[in-house]
Every structure is written in structure tokens, then in C-alpha cells.
Protein backbone atom coordinates (compact mmCIF):
# COMPACT_ATOMS: atom_id res chain seq x y z
CA MET A 1 -26.36 -6.87 1.03
CA GLY A 2 -24.86 -7.63 -2.35
CA ARG A 3 -26.00 -6.46 -5.76
CA SER A 4 -28.50 -8.18 -8.05
CA LEU A 5 -27.81 -9.17 -11.64
CA PRO A 6 -30.15 -8.87 -14.62
CA GLN A 7 -32.25 -12.01 -14.97
CA TRP A 8 -30.40 -13.33 -18.03
CA LEU A 9 -27.05 -12.81 -16.36
CA GLU A 10 -28.26 -14.37 -13.13
CA THR A 11 -29.36 -17.41 -15.15
CA TYR A 12 -25.95 -17.61 -16.81
CA THR A 13 -24.22 -17.30 -13.43
CA LYS A 14 -26.35 -20.00 -11.85
CA PHE A 15 -25.77 -22.49 -14.65
CA GLY A 16 -22.18 -21.34 -15.07
CA LEU A 17 -21.28 -22.34 -11.53
CA PHE A 18 -22.99 -25.69 -12.13
CA GLY A 19 -21.02 -25.98 -15.38
CA LEU A 20 -17.73 -25.55 -13.50
CA VAL A 21 -18.63 -28.47 -11.25
CA VAL A 22 -19.67 -30.62 -14.22
CA GLY A 23 -16.52 -29.64 -16.09
CA THR A 24 -14.36 -30.73 -13.17
CA ALA A 25 -16.18 -34.07 -13.00
CA LEU A 26 -15.72 -34.64 -16.74
CA CYS A 27 -12.01 -33.90 -16.53
CA LEU A 28 -11.64 -36.32 -13.64
CA LEU A 29 -13.59 -38.95 -15.57
CA ALA A 30 -10.82 -39.01 -18.17
CA LEU A 31 -8.47 -40.16 -15.43
CA PHE A 32 -10.46 -43.38 -15.14
CA THR A 33 -10.55 -44.13 -18.87
CA ASN A 34 -7.31 -42.96 -20.46
CA PRO A 35 -3.74 -43.64 -19.33
CA VAL A 36 -2.71 -40.01 -19.94
CA PRO A 37 -5.67 -37.63 -20.30
CA ASP A 38 -3.51 -34.57 -20.96
CA PRO A 39 -0.19 -35.04 -22.80
CA SER A 40 1.03 -31.74 -21.33
CA PHE A 41 0.98 -33.40 -17.91
CA PRO A 42 2.02 -37.06 -18.26
CA TRP A 43 2.10 -37.38 -14.45
CA PHE A 44 -1.66 -36.72 -14.37
CA SER A 45 -2.56 -40.38 -14.56
CA LEU A 46 -3.85 -43.32 -12.56
CA PRO A 47 -2.41 -46.84 -12.31
CA GLU A 48 -4.16 -49.25 -14.68
CA VAL A 49 -5.77 -51.11 -11.79
CA TYR A 50 -7.91 -48.05 -11.01
CA ARG A 51 -9.02 -47.37 -14.58
CA PHE A 52 -12.17 -48.62 -16.32
CA PRO A 53 -11.63 -51.16 -19.14
CA ILE A 54 -12.55 -48.56 -21.75
CA THR A 55 -10.64 -45.78 -23.48
CA GLN A 56 -12.27 -42.58 -24.60
CA PRO A 57 -11.64 -41.34 -28.14
CA ARG A 58 -9.67 -38.13 -28.36
CA ILE A 59 -10.42 -34.78 -29.94
CA GLU A 60 -6.95 -33.83 -31.09
CA HIS A 61 -4.77 -34.23 -27.95
CA TRP A 62 -7.47 -34.71 -25.30
CA PRO A 63 -10.15 -37.31 -24.45
CA VAL A 64 -13.71 -36.25 -25.23
CA SER A 65 -14.82 -35.75 -21.62
CA TYR A 66 -11.61 -33.87 -20.78
CA THR A 67 -12.12 -31.60 -23.79
CA VAL A 68 -15.73 -30.88 -22.87
CA GLY A 69 -14.75 -30.32 -19.23
CA ILE A 70 -12.06 -27.78 -20.07
CA TRP A 71 -14.32 -25.88 -22.44
CA LEU A 72 -16.99 -25.79 -19.75
CA TRP A 73 -14.44 -24.14 -17.45
CA ILE A 74 -13.67 -21.60 -20.14
CA THR A 75 -17.29 -20.86 -20.92
CA CYS A 76 -18.37 -20.71 -17.28
CA ALA A 77 -15.38 -19.04 -15.56
CA PRO A 78 -16.88 -15.51 -15.71
CA ALA A 79 -19.68 -16.76 -13.45
CA LEU A 80 -17.21 -16.82 -10.54
CA PHE A 81 -16.61 -13.06 -10.79
CA LEU A 82 -20.30 -12.32 -11.27
CA ARG A 83 -21.27 -14.36 -8.22
CA GLY A 84 -18.53 -12.68 -6.19
CA TYR A 85 -19.88 -9.28 -7.25
CA GLU A 86 -23.39 -10.31 -6.32
CA ARG A 87 -22.52 -11.80 -2.92
CA PHE A 88 -19.56 -9.87 -1.57
CA VAL A 89 -19.55 -6.43 -3.19
CA TRP A 90 -20.90 -4.83 -0.01
CA ARG A 91 -17.67 -5.55 1.87
CA PRO A 92 -15.00 -2.84 2.08
CA ARG A 93 -12.35 -3.13 -0.66
CA TYR A 94 -14.53 -5.53 -2.67
CA GLY A 95 -16.56 -3.19 -4.83
CA PRO A 96 -17.69 -3.68 -8.44
CA THR A 97 -14.36 -2.42 -9.75
CA THR A 98 -12.56 -5.26 -7.98
CA TRP A 99 -14.93 -8.11 -8.91
CA LEU A 100 -15.87 -7.06 -12.44
CA VAL A 101 -12.66 -5.44 -13.69
CA GLY A 102 -9.71 -6.04 -11.41
CA LEU A 103 -10.02 -9.78 -10.91
CA PRO A 104 -10.79 -10.63 -14.57
CA THR A 105 -7.79 -8.52 -15.58
CA LEU A 106 -5.58 -10.26 -13.05
CA ALA A 107 -6.84 -13.63 -14.29
CA MET A 108 -6.03 -12.71 -17.89
CA ILE A 109 -2.50 -11.63 -16.97
CA GLY A 110 -1.94 -14.83 -14.98
CA LEU A 111 -3.36 -17.15 -17.63
CA THR A 112 -1.51 -15.42 -20.47
CA THR A 113 1.77 -15.65 -18.56
CA TYR A 114 1.18 -19.30 -17.75
CA CYS A 115 0.35 -20.23 -21.34
CA ARG A 116 3.27 -18.24 -22.75
CA PHE A 117 6.03 -19.34 -20.41
CA PHE A 118 4.99 -22.35 -18.33
CA TRP A 119 2.39 -24.43 -20.17
CA PRO A 120 4.02 -27.62 -21.56
CA LYS A 121 2.65 -27.17 -25.09
CA PRO A 122 1.44 -30.32 -26.85
CA GLN A 123 2.65 -30.80 -30.40
CA PRO A 124 1.45 -30.00 -32.94
CA ALA A 125 -0.59 -26.91 -32.15
CA THR A 126 -4.30 -27.51 -32.55
CA TRP A 127 -7.52 -25.58 -33.11
CA ASN A 128 -8.93 -27.36 -30.04
CA ALA A 129 -6.48 -25.72 -27.63
CA PRO A 130 -8.30 -24.34 -24.57
CA ALA A 131 -8.09 -20.62 -23.88
CA TYR A 132 -10.04 -18.14 -21.75
CA THR A 133 -10.15 -15.30 -24.31
CA PHE A 134 -10.42 -15.30 -28.08
CA VAL A 135 -6.99 -13.73 -28.50
CA CYS A 136 -5.46 -16.28 -26.13
CA TRP A 137 -7.06 -19.02 -28.22
CA ALA A 138 -5.26 -17.61 -31.25
CA TYR A 139 -1.97 -18.01 -29.38
CA CYS A 140 -2.69 -21.44 -27.90
CA SER A 141 -3.79 -22.80 -31.27
CA THR A 142 -0.74 -21.49 -33.16
CA TYR A 143 2.01 -20.75 -30.57
CA ASP A 144 2.69 -17.53 -32.48
CA PRO A 145 4.09 -15.02 -29.91
CA LEU A 146 2.33 -12.19 -31.75
CA TRP A 147 -0.99 -13.30 -30.27
CA SER A 148 0.43 -13.60 -26.79
CA ASN A 149 1.85 -10.09 -27.05
CA LEU A 150 -1.57 -8.88 -28.13
CA ALA A 151 -3.11 -10.63 -25.13
CA TYR A 152 -0.74 -8.72 -22.84
CA ALA A 153 -1.69 -5.48 -24.63
CA ILE A 154 -5.38 -6.19 -24.00
CA ALA A 155 -4.69 -7.05 -20.37
CA SER A 156 -2.88 -3.73 -20.03
CA ILE A 157 -6.10 -2.01 -21.13
CA GLY A 158 -7.74 -3.80 -18.22
CA VAL A 159 -5.13 -2.41 -15.84
CA ILE A 160 -5.61 1.10 -17.24
CA THR A 161 -9.36 0.68 -16.94
CA PHE A 162 -9.08 -0.32 -13.29
CA VAL A 163 -6.98 2.76 -12.50
CA MET A 164 -9.36 5.03 -14.42
CA LEU A 165 -12.36 3.67 -12.53
CA VAL A 166 -10.65 4.16 -9.19
CA ARG A 167 -9.86 7.76 -10.18
CA ARG A 168 -13.39 8.23 -11.57
CA SER A 169 -12.21 9.27 -15.02
CA SER A 170 -14.91 10.36 -17.45
CA LEU A 171 -13.42 8.04 -20.08
CA ALA A 172 -13.41 4.98 -17.86
CA VAL A 173 -16.65 3.42 -19.12
CA ALA A 174 -15.56 3.57 -22.78
CA THR A 175 -12.21 2.02 -21.90
CA GLU A 176 -13.98 -0.57 -19.77
CA ALA A 177 -16.28 -1.57 -22.64
CA THR A 178 -13.27 -1.87 -24.94
CA PHE A 179 -11.47 -4.22 -22.57
CA GLY A 180 -14.64 -6.23 -21.97
CA VAL A 181 -15.13 -6.89 -25.67
CA LEU A 182 -11.49 -7.63 -26.43
CA ALA A 183 -11.19 -9.99 -23.46
CA LEU A 184 -14.31 -12.08 -24.17
CA PRO A 185 -15.43 -14.49 -22.84
CA LEU A 186 -13.41 -13.67 -19.70
CA GLY A 187 -14.33 -10.02 -20.18
CA LEU A 188 -18.09 -10.62 -19.78
CA PRO A 189 -18.19 -9.27 -16.20
CA THR A 190 -16.33 -6.13 -17.29
CA LEU A 191 -18.67 -5.63 -20.22
CA PHE A 192 -21.63 -5.95 -17.86
CA ASP A 193 -20.09 -3.36 -15.54
CA ALA A 194 -19.61 -0.94 -18.43
CA TYR A 195 -23.28 -1.37 -19.34
CA ARG A 196 -24.31 -1.01 -15.69
CA ARG A 197 -22.38 2.24 -15.28
CA ALA A 198 -23.45 3.68 -18.62
CA THR A 199 -27.16 2.96 -18.36
CA MET A 200 -27.91 2.80 -14.65
CA GLY A 201 -25.59 5.46 -13.32
CA GLN A 202 -24.23 3.05 -10.73
CA ARG A 203 -20.77 3.25 -9.22
């Protein structure tokens, strides 16, 4: 069997997964109202014949429903790791360290790399730029490489934390809590795991 979550976290996970579905629907809705929902991807569009005869207002670069949809993804993404921990942690090679630390760290590295080197950045930079951690938001809303470098530094703490947990270091929980806080909101699963290990004595 898997592991249970505290009630408040189970509630977040349940509604978070629902939020991901709603967010996807809201992003797709923008396809049917605006010629180009996301200026970073001008090919992400439908012919006029398939669009509704209305156009959504934009919040900075993005239509309202697209903006809300993306921010729902950002807010709810940690629920994927929490549900994976809850459902599949009993399987070999898929313990808490993988679901609550390793995968969020890997996601942060991947997303930071994408935003830094591959994301077609809309101009000008905007406060409304989507990002999965607070430090990544600072980069995506300014395009200042300093913030991206800091995001990589934080992700490296996640890597170190993963190694320390595998080796059962006595300092692992403190390092884990540090990464969890610095990587919020994506770091929520890691922060939960630090709490779980510190207060419940669980491995």
C-alpha cells in the first residue's frame, strides 16, 4: 500500500489534481477565442472558422482564461508528486526520496533550463510571467540571468539533498527543509517530507 497524507495536504492534493484539469481546459478555451493565445508560440492557434466570435481581454501578454489556466498549473503542480508518493511509494525504487525530493528537483532543473535557454520570451518582460518557483518568477518577470543562476543554485541544493537522503546523512533533513522553502511552491512536497522525517521519524 501507499502512504497517507495529512488531511490538509490530502485536500490540497485532491483539489490540486482537479485544478490541473481545469487549468488545461481554460488554456484550451483561449484557442477558441483569441487568434494567438500565447505570443511565445504563434503556431498555437486555430483557423478563424473554428473560433468563437468573441475575443478575451488580455492580462499583459495572455488572454484571461489562459493566464488563469497557467497559474492553476503552477499552483497545483506539486499535487502530482504528492499523489505519486501516496499511490506508488510502496514500489521498489519509488520511495519518498524519489517522489518528494528527486522528482521536484528534476522538474526545477528542467523548467529552469527551458525558461533560460529555450522559452521564446515575450517582450517586454512582465510581472505576470508564469513560473513554478518564486525565484524562477523573478527571472521570468525580468529576464535577468542573476535570478536564473540563483534558481540553478537552489536546484543544486535539491540534488545535494537527494544524495544526502540516500546516504542517510544526519544533516539531510535540514538541507531538505532549506530546499523545500527556497523552491516553493514546487518545493512543497520536499518541505512536507522534511516535516515528516523530523517529526514522525519516517524514512
